[in-house]
Amino acid sequence: MDIRKLRLQRAWSQEQLAECSGLSVRTIQRLEKGGRMSLESRKAIGAAFDIDAGEFEKESEQQSINKPTRLEQETRDEVKKLKRFYKKIVRFGFLIGLLLVINLIFSPDYLWVVWPALGWIMVMAWKGLQTYVFTTAFGSAWEERQVQKRLDKKNNKPSNI
């Protein structure tokens, strides 16, 4: 059971739910974000919504089963890196465009904007390598192979790699 959904169905604020359940607003916020629910909290929330506390226990067990795997978490982290890289590219384009306008307005005879653009291009190329090449070439699969290789060496076993 999604506490936030139940609360919004009744058009209650977090403060109102806290008051009805006898829990603190901070506890309500934590529970809505998927925090662990103690037996007392389950009973209090169940009483506030007129729902059996066991329903929340089943949901709590289901959430622990649905925790993201290591691979899923690594993939999410890679996507976050990619998102940050794209934001940097957009920021780069905007700032260089702004500098170009300033350059053309105040000193159109000399394009000094080329120098900061070249510097930023080098930085963005490095960030691109970090984002695309290093994460795939030297990612978690590579780490696992290296660890296994070294463990096999220490155990005097031939490597399967």
C-alpha atoms as a PDB file:
ATOM      1  CA  MET A   1       0.000   0.000   0.000  1.00  0.00           C
ATOM      2  CA  ASP A   2       1.353   3.364  -0.999  1.00  0.00           C
ATOM      3  CA  ILE A   3       0.928   5.685   1.976  1.00  0.00           C
ATOM      4  CA  ARG A   4       1.242   8.812  -0.156  1.00  0.00           C
ATOM      5  CA  LYS A   5      -1.454   7.569  -2.547  1.00  0.00           C
ATOM      6  CA  LEU A   6      -3.800   6.714   0.330  1.00  0.00           C
ATOM      7  CA  ARG A   7      -3.160  10.112   1.919  1.00  0.00           C
ATOM      8  CA  LEU A   8      -3.841  11.985  -1.323  1.00  0.00           C
ATOM      9  CA  GLN A   9      -7.017   9.966  -1.993  1.00  0.00           C
ATOM     10  CA  ARG A  10      -8.361  11.357   1.264  1.00  0.00           C
ATOM     11  CA  ALA A  11      -6.996  14.830   0.444  1.00  0.00           C
ATOM     12  CA  TRP A  12      -4.949  14.904   3.647  1.00  0.00           C
ATOM     13  CA  SER A  13      -1.740  16.787   4.144  1.00  0.00           C
ATOM     14  CA  GLN A  14       1.231  15.075   5.758  1.00  0.00           C
ATOM     15  CA  GLU A  15       0.500  17.083   8.879  1.00  0.00           C
ATOM     16  CA  GLN A  16      -3.091  15.839   8.984  1.00  0.00           C
ATOM     17  CA  LEU A  17      -1.979  12.222   8.577  1.00  0.00           C
ATOM     18  CA  ALA A  18       0.615  12.706  11.307  1.00  0.00           C
ATOM     19  CA  GLU A  19      -2.059  14.085  13.610  1.00  0.00           C
ATOM     20  CA  CYS A  20      -4.508  11.240  12.841  1.00  0.00           C
ATOM     21  CA  SER A  21      -1.891   8.525  13.250  1.00  0.00           C
ATOM     22  CA  GLY A  22      -0.018   9.993  16.198  1.00  0.00           C
ATOM     23  CA  LEU A  23       3.258   9.867  14.277  1.00  0.00           C
ATOM     24  CA  SER A  24       5.561  12.787  13.538  1.00  0.00           C
ATOM     25  CA  VAL A  25       5.487  14.575  10.192  1.00  0.00           C
ATOM     26  CA  ARG A  26       9.108  13.539   9.692  1.00  0.00           C
ATOM     27  CA  THR A  27       8.134   9.880  10.096  1.00  0.00           C
ATOM     28  CA  ILE A  28       5.335  10.302   7.551  1.00  0.00           C
ATOM     29  CA  GLN A  29       7.792  11.879   5.098  1.00  0.00           C
ATOM     30  CA  ARG A  30      10.283   9.043   5.616  1.00  0.00           C
ATOM     31  CA  LEU A  31       7.603   6.389   5.119  1.00  0.00           C
ATOM     32  CA  GLU A  32       6.329   8.047   1.941  1.00  0.00           C
ATOM     33  CA  LYS A  33       9.853   7.965   0.542  1.00  0.00           C
ATOM     34  CA  GLY A  34       9.952   4.205   1.091  1.00  0.00           C
ATOM     35  CA  GLY A  35      11.648   4.088   4.492  1.00  0.00           C
ATOM     36  CA  ARG A  36      11.326   1.049   6.724  1.00  0.00           C
ATOM     37  CA  MET A  37       8.072   0.839   8.631  1.00  0.00           C
ATOM     38  CA  SER A  38       8.138  -0.406  12.206  1.00  0.00           C
ATOM     39  CA  LEU A  39       5.302  -2.453  13.674  1.00  0.00           C
ATOM     40  CA  GLU A  40       4.097   0.586  15.669  1.00  0.00           C
ATOM     41  CA  SER A  41       4.102   2.749  12.541  1.00  0.00           C
ATOM     42  CA  ARG A  42       2.188   0.085  10.590  1.00  0.00           C
ATOM     43  CA  LYS A  43      -0.435  -0.087  13.311  1.00  0.00           C
ATOM     44  CA  ALA A  44      -0.745   3.700  13.548  1.00  0.00           C
ATOM     45  CA  ILE A  45      -1.019   4.199   9.778  1.00  0.00           C
ATOM     46  CA  GLY A  46      -3.426   1.276   9.495  1.00  0.00           C
ATOM     47  CA  ALA A  47      -5.635   2.766  12.206  1.00  0.00           C
ATOM     48  CA  ALA A  48      -5.595   6.194  10.527  1.00  0.00           C
ATOM     49  CA  PHE A  49      -6.692   4.698   7.201  1.00  0.00           C
ATOM     50  CA  ASP A  50      -8.938   1.967   8.695  1.00  0.00           C
ATOM     51  CA  ILE A  51      -6.775  -0.697   7.057  1.00  0.00           C
ATOM     52  CA  ASP A  52      -5.358  -3.866   8.592  1.00  0.00           C
ATOM     53  CA  ALA A  53      -1.714  -3.325   9.594  1.00  0.00           C
ATOM     54  CA  GLY A  54      -0.881  -6.656   7.960  1.00  0.00           C
ATOM     55  CA  GLU A  55      -1.440  -5.074   4.548  1.00  0.00           C
ATOM     56  CA  PHE A  56       1.531  -2.788   5.169  1.00  0.00           C
ATOM     57  CA  GLU A  57       3.618  -5.752   6.330  1.00  0.00           C
ATOM     58  CA  LYS A  58       2.990  -7.555   3.035  1.00  0.00           C
ATOM     59  CA  GLU A  59       3.924  -4.395   1.160  1.00  0.00           C
ATOM     60  CA  SER A  60       7.087  -4.003   3.248  1.00  0.00           C
ATOM     61  CA  GLU A  61       8.130  -7.578   2.425  1.00  0.00           C
ATOM     62  CA  GLN A  62       7.412  -6.975  -1.263  1.00  0.00           C
ATOM     63  CA  GLN A  63       9.554  -3.805  -1.262  1.00  0.00           C
ATOM     64  CA  SER A  64      12.521  -5.678   0.191  1.00  0.00           C
ATOM     65  CA  ILE A  65      12.154  -8.257  -2.590  1.00  0.00           C
ATOM     66  CA  ASN A  66      11.995  -5.515  -5.254  1.00  0.00           C
ATOM     67  CA  LYS A  67      15.229  -3.783  -4.234  1.00  0.00           C
ATOM     68  CA  PRO A  68      17.342  -2.980  -7.281  1.00  0.00           C
ATOM     69  CA  THR A  69      20.078  -5.448  -8.105  1.00  0.00           C
ATOM     70  CA  ARG A  70      23.702  -4.421  -8.331  1.00  0.00           C
ATOM     71  CA  LEU A  71      23.490  -4.386 -12.123  1.00  0.00           C
ATOM     72  CA  GLU A  72      20.385  -2.187 -12.041  1.00  0.00           C
ATOM     73  CA  GLN A  73      22.054   0.223  -9.615  1.00  0.00           C
ATOM     74  CA  GLU A  74      25.207   0.396 -11.742  1.00  0.00           C
ATOM     75  CA  THR A  75      23.080   1.035 -14.824  1.00  0.00           C
ATOM     76  CA  ARG A  76      21.229   3.820 -13.017  1.00  0.00           C
ATOM     77  CA  ASP A  77      24.574   5.346 -12.020  1.00  0.00           C
ATOM     78  CA  GLU A  78      25.769   5.195 -15.639  1.00  0.00           C
ATOM     79  CA  VAL A  79      22.606   6.929 -16.805  1.00  0.00           C
ATOM     80  CA  LYS A  80      23.115   9.633 -14.172  1.00  0.00           C
ATOM     81  CA  LYS A  81      26.669  10.176 -15.453  1.00  0.00           C
ATOM     82  CA  LEU A  82      25.323  10.402 -18.992  1.00  0.00           C
ATOM     83  CA  LYS A  83      22.694  12.919 -17.911  1.00  0.00           C
ATOM     84  CA  ARG A  84      25.358  15.077 -16.216  1.00  0.00           C
ATOM     85  CA  PHE A  85      27.457  14.924 -19.393  1.00  0.00           C
ATOM     86  CA  TYR A  86      24.545  16.054 -21.555  1.00  0.00           C
ATOM     87  CA  LYS A  87      23.857  18.934 -19.164  1.00  0.00           C
ATOM     88  CA  LYS A  88      27.503  19.981 -19.445  1.00  0.00           C
ATOM     89  CA  ILE A  89      27.290  19.955 -23.238  1.00  0.00           C
ATOM     90  CA  VAL A  90      24.201  22.169 -23.176  1.00  0.00           C
ATOM     91  CA  ARG A  91      25.869  24.518 -20.689  1.00  0.00           C
ATOM     92  CA  PHE A  92      29.000  24.592 -22.884  1.00  0.00           C
ATOM     93  CA  GLY A  93      26.984  25.506 -25.980  1.00  0.00           C
ATOM     94  CA  PHE A  94      25.093  28.235 -24.172  1.00  0.00           C
ATOM     95  CA  LEU A  95      28.194  29.821 -22.613  1.00  0.00           C
ATOM     96  CA  ILE A  96      30.251  29.720 -25.808  1.00  0.00           C
ATOM     97  CA  GLY A  97      27.300  31.238 -27.686  1.00  0.00           C
ATOM     98  CA  LEU A  98      27.066  33.995 -25.080  1.00  0.00           C
ATOM     99  CA  LEU A  99      30.808  34.633 -25.266  1.00  0.00           C
ATOM    100  CA  LEU A 100      30.599  34.747 -29.072  1.00  0.00           C
ATOM    101  CA  VAL A 101      27.878  37.408 -28.911  1.00  0.00           C
ATOM    102  CA  ILE A 102      29.951  39.436 -26.429  1.00  0.00           C
ATOM    103  CA  ASN A 103      33.019  38.998 -28.646  1.00  0.00           C
ATOM    104  CA  LEU A 104      31.190  40.150 -31.788  1.00  0.00           C
ATOM    105  CA  ILE A 105      29.671  43.166 -30.035  1.00  0.00           C
ATOM    106  CA  PHE A 106      32.780  44.487 -28.301  1.00  0.00           C
ATOM    107  CA  SER A 107      35.687  43.344 -30.495  1.00  0.00           C
ATOM    108  CA  PRO A 108      34.495  41.978 -33.840  1.00  0.00           C
ATOM    109  CA  ASP A 109      37.939  42.348 -35.418  1.00  0.00           C
ATOM    110  CA  TYR A 110      39.517  39.651 -33.167  1.00  0.00           C
ATOM    111  CA  LEU A 111      37.755  36.368 -32.327  1.00  0.00           C
ATOM    112  CA  TRP A 112      39.177  35.723 -28.860  1.00  0.00           C
ATOM    113  CA  VAL A 113      36.228  33.422 -28.130  1.00  0.00           C
ATOM    114  CA  VAL A 114      38.133  30.675 -29.971  1.00  0.00           C
ATOM    115  CA  TRP A 115      40.558  30.234 -27.046  1.00  0.00           C
ATOM    116  CA  PRO A 116      38.043  29.533 -24.288  1.00  0.00           C
ATOM    117  CA  ALA A 117      36.091  27.376 -26.765  1.00  0.00           C
ATOM    118  CA  LEU A 118      39.188  25.258 -27.477  1.00  0.00           C
ATOM    119  CA  GLY A 119      39.846  24.855 -23.767  1.00  0.00           C
ATOM    120  CA  TRP A 120      36.269  23.814 -23.120  1.00  0.00           C
ATOM    121  CA  ILE A 121      36.307  21.436 -26.084  1.00  0.00           C
ATOM    122  CA  MET A 122      39.327  19.678 -24.586  1.00  0.00           C
ATOM    123  CA  VAL A 123      37.594  19.449 -21.202  1.00  0.00           C
ATOM    124  CA  MET A 124      34.390  18.148 -22.809  1.00  0.00           C
ATOM    125  CA  ALA A 125      36.385  15.584 -24.814  1.00  0.00           C
ATOM    126  CA  TRP A 126      37.930  14.337 -21.558  1.00  0.00           C
ATOM    127  CA  LYS A 127      34.505  14.202 -19.890  1.00  0.00           C
ATOM    128  CA  GLY A 128      33.172  12.297 -22.928  1.00  0.00           C
ATOM    129  CA  LEU A 129      35.987   9.768 -22.624  1.00  0.00           C
ATOM    130  CA  GLN A 130      35.224   9.344 -18.931  1.00  0.00           C
ATOM    131  CA  THR A 131      31.521   8.933 -19.617  1.00  0.00           C
ATOM    132  CA  TYR A 132      31.593   6.659 -22.656  1.00  0.00           C
ATOM    133  CA  VAL A 133      34.946   4.898 -22.893  1.00  0.00           C
ATOM    134  CA  PHE A 134      36.192   4.458 -19.346  1.00  0.00           C
ATOM    135  CA  THR A 135      32.842   3.303 -17.932  1.00  0.00           C
ATOM    136  CA  THR A 136      32.441   0.623 -20.602  1.00  0.00           C
ATOM    137  CA  ALA A 137      36.068  -0.426 -21.098  1.00  0.00           C
ATOM    138  CA  PHE A 138      36.897  -0.324 -17.399  1.00  0.00           C
ATOM    139  CA  GLY A 139      33.443  -0.860 -15.917  1.00  0.00           C
ATOM    140  CA  SER A 140      32.173  -3.404 -13.432  1.00  0.00           C
ATOM    141  CA  ALA A 141      32.569  -6.366 -15.811  1.00  0.00           C
ATOM    142  CA  TRP A 142      36.258  -5.521 -16.242  1.00  0.00           C
ATOM    143  CA  GLU A 143      36.642  -5.169 -12.471  1.00  0.00           C
ATOM    144  CA  GLU A 144      35.045  -8.576 -11.894  1.00  0.00           C
ATOM    145  CA  ARG A 145      37.350 -10.209 -14.458  1.00  0.00           C
ATOM    146  CA  GLN A 146      40.417  -8.636 -12.852  1.00  0.00           C
ATOM    147  CA  VAL A 147      39.375  -9.695  -9.353  1.00  0.00           C
ATOM    148  CA  GLN A 148      38.687 -13.252 -10.532  1.00  0.00           C
ATOM    149  CA  LYS A 149      42.011 -13.366 -12.366  1.00  0.00           C
ATOM    150  CA  ARG A 150      43.922 -12.273  -9.275  1.00  0.00           C
ATOM    151  CA  LEU A 151      42.005 -14.639  -6.996  1.00  0.00           C
ATOM    152  CA  ASP A 152      42.752 -17.519  -9.360  1.00  0.00           C
ATOM    153  CA  LYS A 153      46.433 -16.563  -9.355  1.00  0.00           C
ATOM    154  CA  LYS A 154      46.534 -16.506  -5.558  1.00  0.00           C
ATOM    155  CA  ASN A 155      44.801 -19.877  -5.387  1.00  0.00           C
ATOM    156  CA  ASN A 156      47.142 -21.288  -8.073  1.00  0.00           C
ATOM    157  CA  LYS A 157      44.244 -22.016 -10.379  1.00  0.00           C
ATOM    158  CA  PRO A 158      44.311 -21.400 -14.129  1.00  0.00           C
ATOM    159  CA  SER A 159      42.237 -18.382 -15.126  1.00  0.00           C
ATOM    160  CA  ASN A 160      39.063 -18.956 -17.163  1.00  0.00           C
ATOM    161  CA  ILE A 161      39.369 -15.569 -18.832  1.00  0.00           C
END
